[in-house]
Structures are given as structure tokens and as C-alpha cells.
C-alpha atoms as a PDB file:
ATOM      1  CA  MET A   1       0.000   0.000   0.000  1.00  0.00           C
ATOM      2  CA  LEU A   2       2.758   2.456   0.899  1.00  0.00           C
ATOM      3  CA  GLU A   3       4.644   1.638  -2.278  1.00  0.00           C
ATOM      4  CA  GLU A   4       1.564   2.451  -4.369  1.00  0.00           C
ATOM      5  CA  GLU A   5       1.274   5.794  -2.619  1.00  0.00           C
ATOM      6  CA  ALA A   6       4.976   6.442  -3.168  1.00  0.00           C
ATOM      7  CA  ASP A   7       4.608   5.602  -6.862  1.00  0.00           C
ATOM      8  CA  PHE A   8       1.637   7.972  -7.134  1.00  0.00           C
ATOM      9  CA  VAL A   9       3.547  10.824  -5.477  1.00  0.00           C
ATOM     10  CA  GLY A  10       6.607  10.094  -7.595  1.00  0.00           C
ATOM     11  CA  MET A  11       4.546  10.169 -10.786  1.00  0.00           C
ATOM     12  CA  HIS A  12       2.943  13.433  -9.678  1.00  0.00           C
ATOM     13  CA  LEU A  13       6.319  15.059  -9.058  1.00  0.00           C
ATOM     14  CA  ALA A  14       7.781  13.680 -12.291  1.00  0.00           C
ATOM     15  CA  ALA A  15       4.838  14.997 -14.317  1.00  0.00           C
ATOM     16  CA  LYS A  16       5.102  18.459 -12.764  1.00  0.00           C
ATOM     17  CA  ALA A  17       8.858  18.432 -13.489  1.00  0.00           C
ATOM     18  CA  CYS A  18       8.081  17.614 -17.149  1.00  0.00           C
ATOM     19  CA  PHE A  19       9.648  14.150 -17.181  1.00  0.00           C
ATOM     20  CA  ASP A  20       8.295  11.487 -19.515  1.00  0.00           C
ATOM     21  CA  VAL A  21       6.046   9.586 -17.104  1.00  0.00           C
ATOM     22  CA  ARG A  22       5.615   6.784 -19.646  1.00  0.00           C
ATOM     23  CA  GLU A  23       9.061   5.572 -18.583  1.00  0.00           C
ATOM     24  CA  SER A  24       8.009   5.037 -14.973  1.00  0.00           C
ATOM     25  CA  SER A  25       7.049   1.385 -15.323  1.00  0.00           C
ATOM     26  CA  MET A  26       9.978   0.314 -17.467  1.00  0.00           C
ATOM     27  CA  PHE A  27      12.343  -0.463 -14.590  1.00  0.00           C
ATOM     28  CA  PHE A  28       9.904  -2.782 -12.826  1.00  0.00           C
ATOM     29  CA  GLU A  29       8.831  -4.482 -16.044  1.00  0.00           C
ATOM     30  CA  MET A  30      12.465  -5.015 -17.031  1.00  0.00           C
ATOM     31  CA  VAL A  31      13.222  -6.583 -13.642  1.00  0.00           C
ATOM     32  CA  HIS A  32      10.161  -8.841 -13.976  1.00  0.00           C
ATOM     33  CA  LEU A  33      11.043  -9.941 -17.519  1.00  0.00           C
ATOM     34  CA  THR A  34      14.685 -10.524 -16.612  1.00  0.00           C
ATOM     35  CA  LYS A  35      13.637 -12.777 -13.729  1.00  0.00           C
ATOM     36  CA  LYS A  36      11.415 -14.726 -16.139  1.00  0.00           C
ATOM     37  CA  ILE A  37      14.266 -15.191 -18.614  1.00  0.00           C
ATOM     38  CA  LYS A  38      16.607 -16.363 -15.855  1.00  0.00           C
ATOM     39  CA  ASP A  39      13.911 -18.654 -14.392  1.00  0.00           C
ATOM     40  CA  GLU A  40      14.180 -16.899 -11.041  1.00  0.00           C
ATOM     41  CA  GLU A  41      11.294 -17.580  -8.746  1.00  0.00           C
ATOM     42  CA  GLU A  42       9.398 -14.595  -7.423  1.00  0.00           C
ATOM     43  CA  LEU A  43       8.896 -14.238  -3.710  1.00  0.00           C
ATOM     44  CA  PRO A  44       5.226 -14.766  -2.839  1.00  0.00           C
ATOM     45  CA  VAL A  45       3.497 -11.413  -2.393  1.00  0.00           C
ATOM     46  CA  TYR A  46       2.410 -12.270   1.145  1.00  0.00           C
ATOM     47  CA  LEU A  47       6.082 -12.659   2.149  1.00  0.00           C
ATOM     48  CA  SER A  48       7.267  -9.487   0.463  1.00  0.00           C
ATOM     49  CA  THR A  49       7.366  -5.941   1.765  1.00  0.00           C
ATOM     50  CA  HIS A  50       6.888  -4.627  -1.790  1.00  0.00           C
ATOM     51  CA  PRO A  51       4.400  -5.356  -4.576  1.00  0.00           C
ATOM     52  CA  ALA A  52       5.469  -7.853  -7.235  1.00  0.00           C
ATOM     53  CA  ASP A  53       7.440  -6.207 -10.040  1.00  0.00           C
ATOM     54  CA  ASP A  54       4.822  -6.952 -12.698  1.00  0.00           C
ATOM     55  CA  ALA A  55       2.020  -5.627 -10.466  1.00  0.00           C
ATOM     56  CA  ARG A  56       3.976  -2.467  -9.761  1.00  0.00           C
ATOM     57  CA  ALA A  57       4.660  -1.922 -13.476  1.00  0.00           C
ATOM     58  CA  SER A  58       0.976  -2.480 -14.233  1.00  0.00           C
ATOM     59  CA  ASN A  59      -0.076   0.002 -11.545  1.00  0.00           C
ATOM     60  CA  LEU A  60       2.345   2.619 -12.888  1.00  0.00           C
ATOM     61  CA  ASN A  61       1.079   2.050 -16.434  1.00  0.00           C
ATOM     62  CA  SER A  62      -2.482   2.610 -15.234  1.00  0.00           C
ATOM     63  CA  LEU A  63      -1.451   6.016 -13.844  1.00  0.00           C
ATOM     64  CA  VAL A  64       0.228   7.208 -17.057  1.00  0.00           C
ATOM     65  CA  PRO A  65      -2.848   8.794 -18.735  1.00  0.00           C
ATOM     66  CA  GLN A  66      -3.672  10.817 -15.624  1.00  0.00           C
ATOM     67  CA  PHE A  67      -0.144  12.140 -15.305  1.00  0.00           C
ATOM     68  CA  LEU A  68       0.289  12.821 -19.010  1.00  0.00           C
ATOM     69  CA  GLN A  69      -2.721  15.096 -18.619  1.00  0.00           C
ATOM     70  CA  LEU A  70      -1.120  16.810 -15.605  1.00  0.00           C
ATOM     71  CA  ARG A  71       2.082  17.228 -17.606  1.00  0.00           C
ATOM     72  CA  ASP A  72       0.131  19.003 -20.331  1.00  0.00           C
ATOM     73  CA  GLN A  73      -1.608  21.226 -17.775  1.00  0.00           C
ATOM     74  CA  CYS A  74       1.813  22.272 -16.461  1.00  0.00           C
ATOM     75  CA  GLY A  75       2.806  23.515 -19.916  1.00  0.00           C
ATOM     76  CA  CYS A  76       5.538  20.948 -20.473  1.00  0.00           C
ATOM     77  CA  ALA A  77       7.011  20.464 -23.945  1.00  0.00           C
ATOM     78  CA  ARG A  78       5.347  17.816 -26.085  1.00  0.00           C
ATOM     79  CA  LEU A  79       6.706  14.305 -25.748  1.00  0.00           C
ATOM     80  CA  GLN A  80       8.256  12.417 -28.608  1.00  0.00           C
ATOM     81  CA  THR A  81       5.628  10.316 -30.324  1.00  0.00           C
ATOM     82  CA  ALA A  82       7.384   6.978 -29.742  1.00  0.00           C
ATOM     83  CA  ASP A  83       6.310   5.444 -26.449  1.00  0.00           C
ATOM     84  CA  PRO A  84       9.492   4.375 -24.616  1.00  0.00           C
ATOM     85  CA  ARG A  85       7.664   1.357 -23.172  1.00  0.00           C
ATOM     86  CA  GLN A  86       7.784  -0.194 -26.627  1.00  0.00           C
ATOM     87  CA  GLN A  87      11.541  -0.638 -26.204  1.00  0.00           C
ATOM     88  CA  LEU A  88      10.753  -3.655 -24.039  1.00  0.00           C
ATOM     89  CA  ALA A  89       8.834  -5.425 -26.824  1.00  0.00           C
ATOM     90  CA  PRO A  90      11.820  -7.632 -27.835  1.00  0.00           C
ATOM     91  CA  LEU A  91      12.299  -8.715 -24.223  1.00  0.00           C
ATOM     92  CA  ARG A  92       8.566  -9.456 -23.881  1.00  0.00           C
ATOM     93  CA  SER A  93       8.734 -11.565 -27.065  1.00  0.00           C
ATOM     94  CA  LEU A  94      11.707 -13.484 -25.713  1.00  0.00           C
ATOM     95  CA  VAL A  95       9.830 -14.288 -22.499  1.00  0.00           C
ATOM     96  CA  GLU A  96       6.713 -15.335 -24.433  1.00  0.00           C
ATOM     97  CA  GLU A  97       8.766 -17.631 -26.675  1.00  0.00           C
ATOM     98  CA  LYS A  98      10.474 -19.192 -23.668  1.00  0.00           C
ATOM     99  CA  GLU A  99       7.098 -19.807 -22.008  1.00  0.00           C
ATOM    100  CA  ARG A 100       5.703 -21.374 -25.219  1.00  0.00           C
ATOM    101  CA  LYS A 101       8.690 -23.738 -25.400  1.00  0.00           C
ATOM    102  CA  ARG A 102       8.252 -24.657 -21.744  1.00  0.00           C
ATOM    103  CA  ALA A 103       4.541 -25.376 -22.304  1.00  0.00           C
ATOM    104  CA  ARG A 104       5.353 -27.683 -25.247  1.00  0.00           C
ATOM    105  CA  THR A 105       7.825 -29.719 -23.195  1.00  0.00           C
ATOM    106  CA  THR A 106       5.544 -30.266 -20.205  1.00  0.00           C
END
């Protein structure tokens, strides 16, 4: 719960400072995907003091539209059209392919 509040406040401050808030989830998604590629087990949420990386990335992504709007209201310069989150597409594809191969062998 506290981490979600911290993410919200961080997004608010980043938007007001004219940062590209679309990048906020990339770190947590990259950590999640890297763990999947390395077959690292995730700690069960009930044993962790922080939300799971994929849940945190998803929560941050859900906040993006709201904070893009705040960014615009603050008079920030327009963002480049390419969404930086798309940079993770090759890594997502690699994870999906690995999971398909695993499903075929089990």
C-alpha cells in the first residue's frame, strides 16, 4: 500500500517536473522480464514488503494517462511520439517464446 502511494507521489512530481512519465514502469517491467528469462522464482506477495514487479509496473502504467494530462496542464514540452515502453517489446517476445517452449515440453 505504501509503495503504491509512493509511486503515485513520484509520478505526480515527475509529471510536474516535465519528465516522460511513460518511462516510470519500465524499470519494474524489465526486472520482472529478466527474472522470467533467468527462471528466477518470485517471492510470494504475502512474504514481500513490496508489490510484485509486474504488479507495480501495471499500476504505474495505469497512472500514465492521468499524469500525461497533468504534464500538459503544467505547460511541459510535447513528448516524442514513440512510447518508450515499446523498447521492451523484444524482451517481452523473448519471455513469451520461452514460455511457449516450456509449455510444449511439459
